[in-house]
Amino acid sequence: EEGKQSLLSQLPAYALDVSLWFWKKNNLNSKADIDDIRAI
């Protein structure tokens, strides 16, 4: 909705959640498990 995009930066819980979502969506736990900082 118009004007609500900034919630992702204004609310800490949203700022963290969207980053966690990105992490899961890109299966970055699998890269962390093999300690691959370059791939992440």
Full PDB file with SEQRES, HELIX, SHEET, SSBOND, CRYST1, ORIGX, SCALE, CONECT and MASTER records, all heavy atoms in Angstrom:
SEQRES   1 A   40  GLU GLU GLY LYS GLN SER LEU LEU SER GLN LEU PRO ALA          
SEQRES   2 A   40  TYR ALA LEU ASP VAL SER LEU TRP PHE TRP LYS LYS ASN          
SEQRES   3 A   40  ASN LEU ASN SER LYS ALA ASP ILE ASP ASP ILE ARG ALA          
SEQRES   4 A   40  ILE                                                          
HELIX    1 AA1 LEU A    7  GLN A   10  1                                   4    
HELIX    2 AA2 PRO A   12  LYS A   25  1                                  14    
HELIX    3 AA3 LEU A   28  ASP A   33  1                                   6    
CRYST1    1.000    1.000    1.000  90.00  90.00  90.00 P 1           1          
ORIGX1      1.000000  0.000000  0.000000        0.00000                         
ORIGX2      0.000000  1.000000  0.000000        0.00000                         
ORIGX3      0.000000  0.000000  1.000000        0.00000                         
SCALE1      1.000000  0.000000  0.000000        0.00000                         
SCALE2      0.000000  1.000000  0.000000        0.00000                         
SCALE3      0.000000  0.000000  1.000000        0.00000                         
ATOM      1  N   GLU A   1       0.840  -1.195   0.000  1.00  0.00           N  
ATOM      2  CA  GLU A   1       0.000   0.000   0.000  1.00  0.00           C  
ATOM      3  C   GLU A   1       0.878   1.249   0.000  1.00  0.00           C  
ATOM      4  O   GLU A   1       1.973   1.249   0.561  1.00  0.00           O  
ATOM      5  CB  GLU A   1      -0.919  -0.006   1.220  1.00  0.00           C  
ATOM      6  CG  GLU A   1      -1.891  -1.175   1.248  1.00  0.00           C  
ATOM      7  CD  GLU A   1      -2.725  -1.201   2.516  1.00  0.00           C  
ATOM      8  OE1 GLU A   1      -2.776  -0.153   3.202  1.00  0.00           O  
ATOM      9  OE2 GLU A   1      -3.307  -2.256   2.821  1.00  0.00           O  
ATOM     10  N   GLU A   2       0.384   2.295  -0.626  1.00  0.00           N  
ATOM     11  CA  GLU A   2       1.140   3.526  -0.761  1.00  0.00           C  
ATOM     12  C   GLU A   2       1.644   4.025   0.598  1.00  0.00           C  
ATOM     13  O   GLU A   2       0.876   4.168   1.547  1.00  0.00           O  
ATOM     14  CB  GLU A   2       0.275   4.608  -1.415  1.00  0.00           C  
ATOM     15  CG  GLU A   2       1.028   5.881  -1.779  1.00  0.00           C  
ATOM     16  CD  GLU A   2       2.063   5.647  -2.868  1.00  0.00           C  
ATOM     17  OE1 GLU A   2       1.830   4.800  -3.757  1.00  0.00           O  
ATOM     18  OE2 GLU A   2       3.108   6.325  -2.828  1.00  0.00           O  
ATOM     19  N   GLY A   3       2.938   4.261   0.687  1.00  0.00           N  
ATOM     20  CA  GLY A   3       3.525   4.818   1.902  1.00  0.00           C  
ATOM     21  C   GLY A   3       3.914   3.808   2.955  1.00  0.00           C  
ATOM     22  O   GLY A   3       4.558   4.170   3.947  1.00  0.00           O  
ATOM     23  N   LYS A   4       3.546   2.543   2.761  1.00  0.00           N  
ATOM     24  CA  LYS A   4       3.843   1.549   3.789  1.00  0.00           C  
ATOM     25  C   LYS A   4       5.143   0.779   3.546  1.00  0.00           C  
ATOM     26  O   LYS A   4       5.529  -0.039   4.374  1.00  0.00           O  
ATOM     27  CB  LYS A   4       2.675   0.566   3.925  1.00  0.00           C  
ATOM     28  CG  LYS A   4       1.447   1.197   4.557  1.00  0.00           C  
ATOM     29  CD  LYS A   4       0.403   0.168   4.950  1.00  0.00           C  
ATOM     30  CE  LYS A   4      -0.761   0.832   5.681  1.00  0.00           C  
ATOM     31  NZ  LYS A   4      -1.769  -0.169   6.112  1.00  0.00           N  
ATOM     32  N   GLN A   5       5.796   1.054   2.434  1.00  0.00           N  
ATOM     33  CA  GLN A   5       7.056   0.367   2.152  1.00  0.00           C  
ATOM     34  C   GLN A   5       8.109   0.693   3.226  1.00  0.00           C  
ATOM     35  O   GLN A   5       8.951  -0.136   3.562  1.00  0.00           O  
ATOM     36  CB  GLN A   5       7.604   0.759   0.778  1.00  0.00           C  
ATOM     37  CG  GLN A   5       6.771   0.279  -0.391  1.00  0.00           C  
ATOM     38  CD  GLN A   5       5.524   1.116  -0.633  1.00  0.00           C  
ATOM     39  OE1 GLN A   5       5.579   2.341  -0.546  1.00  0.00           O  
ATOM     40  NE2 GLN A   5       4.402   0.475  -0.929  1.00  0.00           N  
ATOM     41  N   SER A   6       8.031   1.895   3.773  1.00  0.00           N  
ATOM     42  CA  SER A   6       9.033   2.326   4.751  1.00  0.00           C  
ATOM     43  C   SER A   6       8.921   1.587   6.079  1.00  0.00           C  
ATOM     44  O   SER A   6       9.813   1.700   6.922  1.00  0.00           O  
ATOM     45  CB  SER A   6       8.920   3.833   5.001  1.00  0.00           C  
ATOM     46  OG  SER A   6       7.634   4.169   5.499  1.00  0.00           O  
ATOM     47  N   LEU A   7       7.857   0.802   6.263  1.00  0.00           N  
ATOM     48  CA  LEU A   7       7.741   0.005   7.480  1.00  0.00           C  
ATOM     49  C   LEU A   7       8.912  -0.962   7.615  1.00  0.00           C  
ATOM     50  O   LEU A   7       9.318  -1.316   8.721  1.00  0.00           O  
ATOM     51  CB  LEU A   7       6.423  -0.776   7.493  1.00  0.00           C  
ATOM     52  CG  LEU A   7       5.137   0.042   7.648  1.00  0.00           C  
ATOM     53  CD1 LEU A   7       3.915  -0.861   7.525  1.00  0.00           C  
ATOM     54  CD2 LEU A   7       5.116   0.775   8.980  1.00  0.00           C  
ATOM     55  N   LEU A   8       9.458  -1.388   6.477  1.00  0.00           N  
ATOM     56  CA  LEU A   8      10.572  -2.339   6.500  1.00  0.00           C  
ATOM     57  C   LEU A   8      11.839  -1.722   7.077  1.00  0.00           C  
ATOM     58  O   LEU A   8      12.735  -2.443   7.513  1.00  0.00           O  
ATOM     59  CB  LEU A   8      10.862  -2.862   5.094  1.00  0.00           C  
ATOM     60  CG  LEU A   8       9.781  -3.719   4.447  1.00  0.00           C  
ATOM     61  CD1 LEU A   8      10.268  -4.232   3.096  1.00  0.00           C  
ATOM     62  CD2 LEU A   8       9.387  -4.879   5.342  1.00  0.00           C  
ATOM     63  N   SER A   9      11.908  -0.409   7.081  1.00  0.00           N  
ATOM     64  CA  SER A   9      13.081   0.244   7.662  1.00  0.00           C  
ATOM     65  C   SER A   9      12.758   0.908   9.002  1.00  0.00           C  
ATOM     66  O   SER A   9      13.628   1.053   9.854  1.00  0.00           O  
ATOM     67  CB  SER A   9      13.639   1.299   6.694  1.00  0.00           C  
ATOM     68  OG  SER A   9      12.651   2.244   6.335  1.00  0.00           O  
ATOM     69  N   GLN A  10      11.497   1.258   9.213  1.00  0.00           N  
ATOM     70  CA  GLN A  10      11.127   1.985  10.427  1.00  0.00           C  
ATOM     71  C   GLN A  10      10.871   1.068  11.621  1.00  0.00           C  
ATOM     72  O   GLN A  10      11.089   1.467  12.770  1.00  0.00           O  
ATOM     73  CB  GLN A  10       9.882   2.837  10.161  1.00  0.00           C  
ATOM     74  CG  GLN A  10      10.133   3.980   9.188  1.00  0.00           C  
ATOM     75  CD  GLN A  10       8.865   4.726   8.824  1.00  0.00           C  
ATOM     76  OE1 GLN A  10       7.761   4.311   9.171  1.00  0.00           O  
ATOM     77  NE2 GLN A  10       9.017   5.839   8.123  1.00  0.00           N  
ATOM     78  N   LEU A  11      10.408  -0.135  11.377  1.00  0.00           N  
ATOM     79  CA  LEU A  11      10.093  -1.060  12.460  1.00  0.00           C  
ATOM     80  C   LEU A  11      11.162  -2.145  12.542  1.00  0.00           C  
ATOM     81  O   LEU A  11      11.329  -2.934  11.619  1.00  0.00           O  
ATOM     82  CB  LEU A  11       8.722  -1.703  12.238  1.00  0.00           C  
ATOM     83  CG  LEU A  11       7.527  -0.740  12.182  1.00  0.00           C  
ATOM     84  CD1 LEU A  11       6.236  -1.513  11.964  1.00  0.00           C  
ATOM     85  CD2 LEU A  11       7.447   0.092  13.455  1.00  0.00           C  
ATOM     86  N   PRO A  12      11.917  -2.213  13.634  1.00  0.00           N  
ATOM     87  CA  PRO A  12      13.003  -3.189  13.756  1.00  0.00           C  
ATOM     88  C   PRO A  12      12.579  -4.629  13.491  1.00  0.00           C  
ATOM     89  O   PRO A  12      13.318  -5.383  12.848  1.00  0.00           O  
ATOM     90  CB  PRO A  12      13.469  -2.997  15.201  1.00  0.00           C  
ATOM     91  CG  PRO A  12      13.190  -1.566  15.493  1.00  0.00           C  
ATOM     92  CD  PRO A  12      11.877  -1.297  14.790  1.00  0.00           C  
ATOM     93  N   ALA A  13      11.396  -5.022  13.963  1.00  0.00           N  
ATOM     94  CA  ALA A  13      10.946  -6.399  13.748  1.00  0.00           C  
ATOM     95  C   ALA A  13      10.767  -6.696  12.266  1.00  0.00           C  
ATOM     96  O   ALA A  13      11.072  -7.800  11.799  1.00  0.00           O  
ATOM     97  CB  ALA A  13       9.642  -6.655  14.498  1.00  0.00           C  
ATOM     98  N   TYR A  14      10.282  -5.712  11.507  1.00  0.00           N  
ATOM     99  CA  TYR A  14      10.121  -5.891  10.065  1.00  0.00           C  
ATOM    100  C   TYR A  14      11.481  -5.900   9.370  1.00  0.00           C  
ATOM    101  O   TYR A  14      11.709  -6.694   8.444  1.00  0.00           O  
ATOM    102  CB  TYR A  14       9.263  -4.767   9.475  1.00  0.00           C  
ATOM    103  CG  TYR A  14       7.774  -4.900   9.714  1.00  0.00           C  
ATOM    104  CD1 TYR A  14       7.264  -5.727  10.716  1.00  0.00           C  
ATOM    105  CD2 TYR A  14       6.872  -4.175   8.946  1.00  0.00           C  
ATOM    106  CE1 TYR A  14       5.904  -5.830  10.932  1.00  0.00           C  
ATOM    107  CE2 TYR A  14       5.504  -4.278   9.153  1.00  0.00           C  
ATOM    108  CZ  TYR A  14       5.018  -5.109  10.153  1.00  0.00           C  
ATOM    109  OH  TYR A  14       3.673  -5.210  10.363  1.00  0.00           O  
ATOM    110  N   ALA A  15      12.368  -4.993   9.787  1.00  0.00           N  
ATOM    111  CA  ALA A  15      13.698  -4.918   9.174  1.00  0.00           C  
ATOM    112  C   ALA A  15      14.448  -6.234   9.340  1.00  0.00           C  
ATOM    113  O   ALA A  15      15.147  -6.686   8.431  1.00  0.00           O  
ATOM    114  CB  ALA A  15      14.499  -3.775   9.800  1.00  0.00           C  
ATOM    115  N   LEU A  16      14.274  -6.869  10.498  1.00  0.00           N  
ATOM    116  CA  LEU A  16      14.920  -8.159  10.735  1.00  0.00           C  
ATOM    117  C   LEU A  16      14.190  -9.274   9.994  1.00  0.00           C  
ATOM    118  O   LEU A  16      14.824 -10.122   9.357  1.00  0.00           O  
ATOM    119  CB  LEU A  16      14.954  -8.457  12.235  1.00  0.00           C  
ATOM    120  CG  LEU A  16      15.502  -9.824  12.643  1.00  0.00           C  
ATOM    121  CD1 LEU A  16      16.906 -10.048  12.094  1.00  0.00           C  
ATOM    122  CD2 LEU A  16      15.495  -9.970  14.168  1.00  0.00           C  
ATOM    123  N   ASP A  17      12.878  -9.283  10.064  1.00  0.00           N  
ATOM    124  CA  ASP A  17      12.119 -10.374   9.452  1.00  0.00           C  
ATOM    125  C   ASP A  17      12.341 -10.466   7.953  1.00  0.00           C  
ATOM    126  O   ASP A  17      12.494 -11.562   7.406  1.00  0.00           O  
ATOM    127  CB  ASP A  17      10.622 -10.216   9.741  1.00  0.00           C  
ATOM    128  CG  ASP A  17       9.828 -11.419   9.269  1.00  0.00           C  
ATOM    129  OD1 ASP A  17       9.953 -12.498   9.882  1.00  0.00           O  
ATOM    130  OD2 ASP A  17       9.095 -11.292   8.264  1.00  0.00           O  
ATOM    131  N   VAL A  18      12.358  -9.323   7.273  1.00  0.00           N  
ATOM    132  CA  VAL A  18      12.542  -9.369   5.820  1.00  0.00           C  
ATOM    133  C   VAL A  18      13.931  -9.907   5.477  1.00  0.00           C  
ATOM    134  O   VAL A  18      14.117 -10.581   4.449  1.00  0.00           O  
ATOM    135  CB  VAL A  18      12.312  -7.977   5.185  1.00  0.00           C  
ATOM    136  CG1 VAL A  18      13.419  -6.993   5.554  1.00  0.00           C  
ATOM    137  CG2 VAL A  18      12.201  -8.090   3.669  1.00  0.00           C  
ATOM    138  N   SER A  19      14.899  -9.667   6.357  1.00  0.00           N  
ATOM    139  CA  SER A  19      16.251 -10.182   6.130  1.00  0.00           C  
ATOM    140  C   SER A  19      16.310 -11.685   6.387  1.00  0.00           C  
ATOM    141  O   SER A  19      16.992 -12.419   5.669  1.00  0.00           O  
ATOM    142  CB  SER A  19      17.237  -9.444   7.049  1.00  0.00           C  
ATOM    143  OG  SER A  19      17.144  -8.050   6.843  1.00  0.00           O  
ATOM    144  N   LEU A  20      15.585 -12.132   7.394  1.00  0.00           N  
ATOM    145  CA  LEU A  20      15.486 -13.564   7.668  1.00  0.00           C  
ATOM    146  C   LEU A  20      14.775 -14.282   6.524  1.00  0.00           C  
ATOM    147  O   LEU A  20      15.155 -15.388   6.128  1.00  0.00           O  
ATOM    148  CB  LEU A  20      14.739 -13.788   8.976  1.00  0.00           C  
ATOM    149  CG  LEU A  20      15.479 -13.347  10.244  1.00  0.00           C  
ATOM    150  CD1 LEU A  20      14.516 -13.293  11.432  1.00  0.00           C  
ATOM    151  CD2 LEU A  20      16.639 -14.281  10.555  1.00  0.00           C  
ATOM    152  N   TRP A  21      13.736 -13.642   6.017  1.00  0.00           N  
ATOM    153  CA  TRP A  21      13.002 -14.202   4.874  1.00  0.00           C  
ATOM    154  C   TRP A  21      13.923 -14.344   3.666  1.00  0.00           C  
ATOM    155  O   TRP A  21      13.932 -15.382   2.995  1.00  0.00           O  
ATOM    156  CB  TRP A  21      11.820 -13.294   4.525  1.00  0.00           C  
ATOM    157  CG  TRP A  21      11.107 -13.658   3.258  1.00  0.00           C  
ATOM    158  CD1 TRP A  21      10.143 -14.601   3.093  1.00  0.00           C  
ATOM    159  CD2 TRP A  21      11.323 -13.071   1.961  1.00  0.00           C  
ATOM    160  NE1 TRP A  21       9.736 -14.645   1.775  1.00  0.00           N  
ATOM    161  CE2 TRP A  21      10.442 -13.723   1.066  1.00  0.00           C  
ATOM    162  CE3 TRP A  21      12.149 -12.065   1.485  1.00  0.00           C  
ATOM    163  CZ2 TRP A  21      10.388 -13.382  -0.288  1.00  0.00           C  
ATOM    164  CZ3 TRP A  21      12.108 -11.736   0.138  1.00  0.00           C  
ATOM    165  CH2 TRP A  21      11.226 -12.397  -0.732  1.00  0.00           C  
ATOM    166  N   PHE A  22      14.722 -13.321   3.381  1.00  0.00           N  
ATOM    167  CA  PHE A  22      15.674 -13.366   2.271  1.00  0.00           C  
ATOM    168  C   PHE A  22      16.659 -14.507   2.472  1.00  0.00           C  
ATOM    169  O   PHE A  22      16.984 -15.242   1.541  1.00  0.00           O  
ATOM    170  CB  PHE A  22      16.421 -12.029   2.186  1.00  0.00           C  
ATOM    171  CG  PHE A  22      17.503 -11.997   1.146  1.00  0.00           C  
ATOM    172  CD1 PHE A  22      17.228 -11.572  -0.148  1.00  0.00           C  
ATOM    173  CD2 PHE A  22      18.809 -12.388   1.443  1.00  0.00           C  
ATOM    174  CE1 PHE A  22      18.228 -11.548  -1.120  1.00  0.00           C  
ATOM    175  CE2 PHE A  22      19.804 -12.369   0.486  1.00  0.00           C  
ATOM    176  CZ  PHE A  22      19.512 -11.948  -0.796  1.00  0.00           C  
ATOM    177  N   TRP A  23      17.125 -14.658   3.700  1.00  0.00           N  
ATOM    178  CA  TRP A  23      18.088 -15.712   4.034  1.00  0.00           C  
ATOM    179  C   TRP A  23      17.495 -17.094   3.742  1.00  0.00           C  
ATOM    180  O   TRP A  23      18.144 -17.936   3.109  1.00  0.00           O  
ATOM    181  CB  TRP A  23      18.454 -15.586   5.502  1.00  0.00           C  
ATOM    182  CG  TRP A  23      19.607 -16.416   5.970  1.00  0.00           C  
ATOM    183  CD1 TRP A  23      19.551 -17.680   6.492  1.00  0.00           C  
ATOM    184  CD2 TRP A  23      20.989 -16.040   6.006  1.00  0.00           C  
ATOM    185  NE1 TRP A  23      20.806 -18.108   6.849  1.00  0.00           N  
ATOM    186  CE2 TRP A  23      21.713 -17.122   6.551  1.00  0.00           C  
ATOM    187  CE3 TRP A  23      21.685 -14.894   5.634  1.00  0.00           C  
ATOM    188  CZ2 TRP A  23      23.094 -17.094   6.735  1.00  0.00           C  
ATOM    189  CZ3 TRP A  23      23.061 -14.858   5.800  1.00  0.00           C  
ATOM    190  CH2 TRP A  23      23.744 -15.957   6.351  1.00  0.00           C  
ATOM    191  N   LYS A  24      16.272 -17.307   4.186  1.00  0.00           N  
ATOM    192  CA  LYS A  24      15.623 -18.597   3.986  1.00  0.00           C  
ATOM    193  C   LYS A  24      15.306 -18.829   2.510  1.00  0.00           C  
ATOM    194  O   LYS A  24      15.527 -19.930   1.984  1.00  0.00           O  
ATOM    195  CB  LYS A  24      14.340 -18.675   4.812  1.00  0.00           C  
ATOM    196  CG  LYS A  24      13.626 -20.010   4.698  1.00  0.00           C  
ATOM    197  CD  LYS A  24      12.391 -20.047   5.584  1.00  0.00           C  
ATOM    198  CE  LYS A  24      11.680 -21.392   5.468  1.00  0.00           C  
ATOM    199  NZ  LYS A  24      10.473 -21.444   6.340  1.00  0.00           N  
ATOM    200  N   LYS A  25      14.797 -17.801   1.841  1.00  0.00           N  
ATOM    201  CA  LYS A  25      14.417 -17.913   0.430  1.00  0.00           C  
ATOM    202  C   LYS A  25      15.610 -18.331  -0.428  1.00  0.00           C  
ATOM    203  O   LYS A  25      15.458 -19.076  -1.396  1.00  0.00           O  
ATOM    204  CB  LYS A  25      13.866 -16.563  -0.060  1.00  0.00           C  
ATOM    205  CG  LYS A  25      13.482 -16.513  -1.531  1.00  0.00           C  
ATOM    206  CD  LYS A  25      12.938 -15.150  -1.905  1.00  0.00           C  
ATOM    207  CE  LYS A  25      12.716 -15.011  -3.392  1.00  0.00           C  
ATOM    208  NZ  LYS A  25      11.733 -15.972  -3.911  1.00  0.00           N  
ATOM    209  N   ASN A  26      16.785 -17.876  -0.040  1.00  0.00           N  
ATOM    210  CA  ASN A  26      17.990 -18.177  -0.816  1.00  0.00           C  
ATOM    211  C   ASN A  26      18.797 -19.340  -0.245  1.00  0.00           C  
ATOM    212  O   ASN A  26      19.934 -19.576  -0.667  1.00  0.00           O  
ATOM    213  CB  ASN A  26      18.856 -16.918  -0.917  1.00  0.00           C  
ATOM    214  CG  ASN A  26      18.247 -15.875  -1.822  1.00  0.00           C  
ATOM    215  OD1 ASN A  26      18.350 -15.962  -3.035  1.00  0.00           O  
ATOM    216  ND2 ASN A  26      17.573 -14.897  -1.224  1.00  0.00           N  
ATOM    217  N   ASN A  27      18.192 -20.048   0.716  1.00  0.00           N  
ATOM    218  CA  ASN A  27      18.795 -21.256   1.285  1.00  0.00           C  
ATOM    219  C   ASN A  27      20.224 -21.012   1.770  1.00  0.00           C  
ATOM    220  O   ASN A  27      21.137 -21.818   1.538  1.00  0.00           O  
ATOM    221  CB  ASN A  27      18.788 -22.388   0.243  1.00  0.00           C  
ATOM    222  CG  ASN A  27      19.076 -23.748   0.863  1.00  0.00           C  
ATOM    223  OD1 ASN A  27      18.778 -23.975   2.042  1.00  0.00           O  
ATOM    224  ND2 ASN A  27      19.646 -24.648   0.089  1.00  0.00           N  
ATOM    225  N   LEU A  28      20.410 -19.895   2.475  1.00  0.00           N  
ATOM    226  CA  LEU A  28      21.761 -19.534   2.893  1.00  0.00           C  
ATOM    227  C   LEU A  28      22.230 -20.307   4.121  1.00  0.00           C  
ATOM    228  O   LEU A  28      23.435 -20.332   4.401  1.00  0.00           O  
ATOM    229  CB  LEU A  28      21.846 -18.025   3.127  1.00  0.00           C  
ATOM    230  CG  LEU A  28      21.647 -17.192   1.854  1.00  0.00           C  
ATOM    231  CD1 LEU A  28      21.758 -15.710   2.153  1.00  0.00           C  
ATOM    232  CD2 LEU A  28      22.657 -17.586   0.777  1.00  0.00           C  
ATOM    233  N   ASN A  29      21.310 -20.963   4.814  1.00  0.00           N  
ATOM    234  CA  ASN A  29      21.752 -21.837   5.903  1.00  0.00           C  
ATOM    235  C   ASN A  29      22.677 -22.934   5.378  1.00  0.00           C  
ATOM    236  O   ASN A  29      23.632 -23.334   6.056  1.00  0.00           O  
ATOM    237  CB  ASN A  29      20.556 -22.479   6.606  1.00  0.00           C  
ATOM    238  CG  ASN A  29      19.980 -21.596   7.689  1.00  0.00           C  
ATOM    239  OD1 ASN A  29      20.658 -20.725   8.224  1.00  0.00           O  
ATOM    240  ND2 ASN A  29      18.714 -21.813   8.026  1.00  0.00           N  
ATOM    241  N   SER A  30      22.392 -23.418   4.180  1.00  0.00           N  
ATOM    242  CA  SER A  30      23.213 -24.496   3.612  1.00  0.00           C  
ATOM    243  C   SER A  30      24.637 -24.017   3.344  1.00  0.00           C  
ATOM    244  O   SER A  30      25.598 -24.785   3.465  1.00  0.00           O  
ATOM    245  CB  SER A  30      22.586 -25.028   2.317  1.00  0.00           C  
ATOM    246  OG  SER A  30      22.594 -24.029   1.301  1.00  0.00           O  
ATOM    247  N   LYS A  31      24.766 -22.744   2.982  1.00  0.00           N  
ATOM    248  CA  LYS A  31      26.101 -22.177   2.749  1.00  0.00           C  
ATOM    249  C   LYS A  31      26.808 -21.907   4.080  1.00  0.00           C  
ATOM    250  O   LYS A  31      28.027 -22.085   4.199  1.00  0.00           O  
ATOM    251  CB  LYS A  31      26.004 -20.886   1.939  1.00  0.00           C  
ATOM    252  CG  LYS A  31      25.321 -21.045   0.583  1.00  0.00           C  
ATOM    253  CD  LYS A  31      26.047 -22.058  -0.299  1.00  0.00           C  
ATOM    254  CE  LYS A  31      25.368 -22.177  -1.662  1.00  0.00           C  
ATOM    255  NZ  LYS A  31      26.008 -23.219  -2.498  1.00  0.00           N  
ATOM    256  N   ALA A  32      26.023 -21.495   5.075  1.00  0.00           N  
ATOM    257  CA  ALA A  32      26.610 -21.275   6.396  1.00  0.00           C  
ATOM    258  C   ALA A  32      27.118 -22.584   6.988  1.00  0.00           C  
ATOM    259  O   ALA A  32      28.154 -22.617   7.655  1.00  0.00           O  
ATOM    260  CB  ALA A  32      25.578 -20.638   7.322  1.00  0.00           C  
ATOM    261  N   ASP A  33      26.382 -23.656   6.742  1.00  0.00           N  
ATOM    262  CA  ASP A  33      26.757 -24.964   7.296  1.00  0.00           C  
ATOM    263  C   ASP A  33      28.130 -25.432   6.820  1.00  0.00           C  
ATOM    264  O   ASP A  33      28.813 -26.197   7.508  1.00  0.00           O  
ATOM    265  CB  ASP A  33      25.708 -26.016   6.938  1.00  0.00           C  
ATOM    266  CG  ASP A  33      24.406 -25.827   7.694  1.00  0.00           C  
ATOM    267  OD1 ASP A  33      24.404 -25.133   8.723  1.00  0.00           O  
ATOM    268  OD2 ASP A  33      23.374 -26.383   7.249  1.00  0.00           O  
ATOM    269  N   ILE A  34      28.531 -24.975   5.630  1.00  0.00           N  
ATOM    270  CA  ILE A  34      29.853 -25.352   5.121  1.00  0.00           C  
ATOM    271  C   ILE A  34      30.838 -24.180   5.232  1.00  0.00           C  
ATOM    272  O   ILE A  34      31.914 -24.204   4.642  1.00  0.00           O  
ATOM    273  CB  ILE A  34      29.779 -25.858   3.666  1.00  0.00           C  
ATOM    274  CG1 ILE A  34      29.184 -24.813   2.728  1.00  0.00           C  
ATOM    275  CG2 ILE A  34      28.985 -27.150   3.598  1.00  0.00           C  
ATOM    276  CD1 ILE A  34      29.230 -25.202   1.254  1.00  0.00           C  
ATOM    277  N   ASP A  35      30.426 -23.160   5.993  1.00  0.00           N  
ATOM    278  CA  ASP A  35      31.305 -22.031   6.318  1.00  0.00           C  
ATOM    279  C   ASP A  35      31.770 -21.290   5.070  1.00  0.00           C  
ATOM    280  O   ASP A  35      32.926 -20.860   4.981  1.00  0.00           O  
ATOM    281  CB  ASP A  35      32.511 -22.538   7.119  1.00  0.00           C  
ATOM    282  CG  ASP A  35      33.117 -21.468   8.019  1.00  0.00           C  
ATOM    283  OD1 ASP A  35      32.481 -20.419   8.214  1.00  0.00           O  
ATOM    284  OD2 ASP A  35      34.233 -21.695   8.528  1.00  0.00           O  
ATOM    285  N   ASP A  36      30.857 -21.101   4.116  1.00  0.00           N  
ATOM    286  CA  ASP A  36      31.217 -20.495   2.830  1.00  0.00           C  
ATOM    287  C   ASP A  36      30.782 -19.028   2.793  1.00  0.00           C  
ATOM    288  O   ASP A  36      29.719 -18.689   2.261  1.00  0.00           O  
ATOM    289  CB  ASP A  36      30.566 -21.279   1.688  1.00  0.00           C  
ATOM    290  CG  ASP A  36      31.121 -20.881   0.321  1.00  0.00           C  
ATOM    291  OD1 ASP A  36      31.795 -19.842   0.223  1.00  0.00           O  
ATOM    292  OD2 ASP A  36      30.869 -21.627  -0.656  1.00  0.00           O  
ATOM    293  N   ILE A  37      31.603 -18.168   3.353  1.00  0.00           N  
ATOM    294  CA  ILE A  37      31.251 -16.752   3.404  1.00  0.00           C  
ATOM    295  C   ILE A  37      31.247 -16.113   2.022  1.00  0.00           C  
ATOM    296  O   ILE A  37      30.475 -15.185   1.763  1.00  0.00           O  
ATOM    297  CB  ILE A  37      32.194 -15.978   4.356  1.00  0.00           C  
ATOM    298  CG1 ILE A  37      31.671 -14.554   4.578  1.00  0.00           C  
ATOM    299  CG2 ILE A  37      33.624 -15.987   3.835  1.00  0.00           C  
ATOM    300  CD1 ILE A  37      32.454 -13.772   5.610  1.00  0.00           C  
ATOM    301  N   ARG A  38      32.054 -16.601   1.112  1.00  0.00           N  
ATOM    302  CA  ARG A  38      32.086 -16.035  -0.244  1.00  0.00           C  
ATOM    303  C   ARG A  38      30.766 -16.274  -0.966  1.00  0.00           C  
ATOM    304  O   ARG A  38      30.225 -15.375  -1.615  1.00  0.00           O  
ATOM    305  CB  ARG A  38      33.256 -16.608  -1.047  1.00  0.00           C  
ATOM    306  CG  ARG A  38      34.622 -16.095  -0.601  1.00  0.00           C  
ATOM    307  CD  ARG A  38      35.734 -16.641  -1.488  1.00  0.00           C  
ATOM    308  NE  ARG A  38      35.582 -16.225  -2.882  1.00  0.00           N  
ATOM    309  CZ  ARG A  38      36.020 -15.060  -3.354  1.00  0.00           C  
ATOM    310  NH1 ARG A  38      36.630 -14.205  -2.559  1.00  0.00           N  
ATOM    311  NH2 ARG A  38      35.856 -14.759  -4.636  1.00  0.00           N  
ATOM    312  N   ALA A  39      30.238 -17.488  -0.868  1.00  0.00           N  
ATOM    313  CA  ALA A  39      28.976 -17.802  -1.539  1.00  0.00           C  
ATOM    314  C   ALA A  39      27.830 -16.980  -0.949  1.00  0.00           C  
ATOM    315  O   ALA A  39      26.961 -16.488  -1.678  1.00  0.00           O  
ATOM    316  CB  ALA A  39      28.679 -19.286  -1.422  1.00  0.00           C  
ATOM    317  N   ILE A  40      27.833 -16.831   0.366  1.00  0.00           N  
ATOM    318  CA  ILE A  40      26.774 -16.050   1.011  1.00  0.00           C  
ATOM    319  C   ILE A  40      26.880 -14.589   0.602  1.00  0.00           C  
ATOM    320  O   ILE A  40      25.878 -13.942   0.259  1.00  0.00           O  
ATOM    321  CB  ILE A  40      26.856 -16.183   2.546  1.00  0.00           C  
ATOM    322  CG1 ILE A  40      26.619 -17.635   2.967  1.00  0.00           C  
ATOM    323  CG2 ILE A  40      25.830 -15.272   3.220  1.00  0.00           C  
ATOM    324  CD1 ILE A  40      26.842 -17.890   4.450  1.00  0.00           C  
TER     325      ILE A  40                                                      
MASTER        0    0    0    3    0    0    0    6  324    1    0    4          
END                                                                             
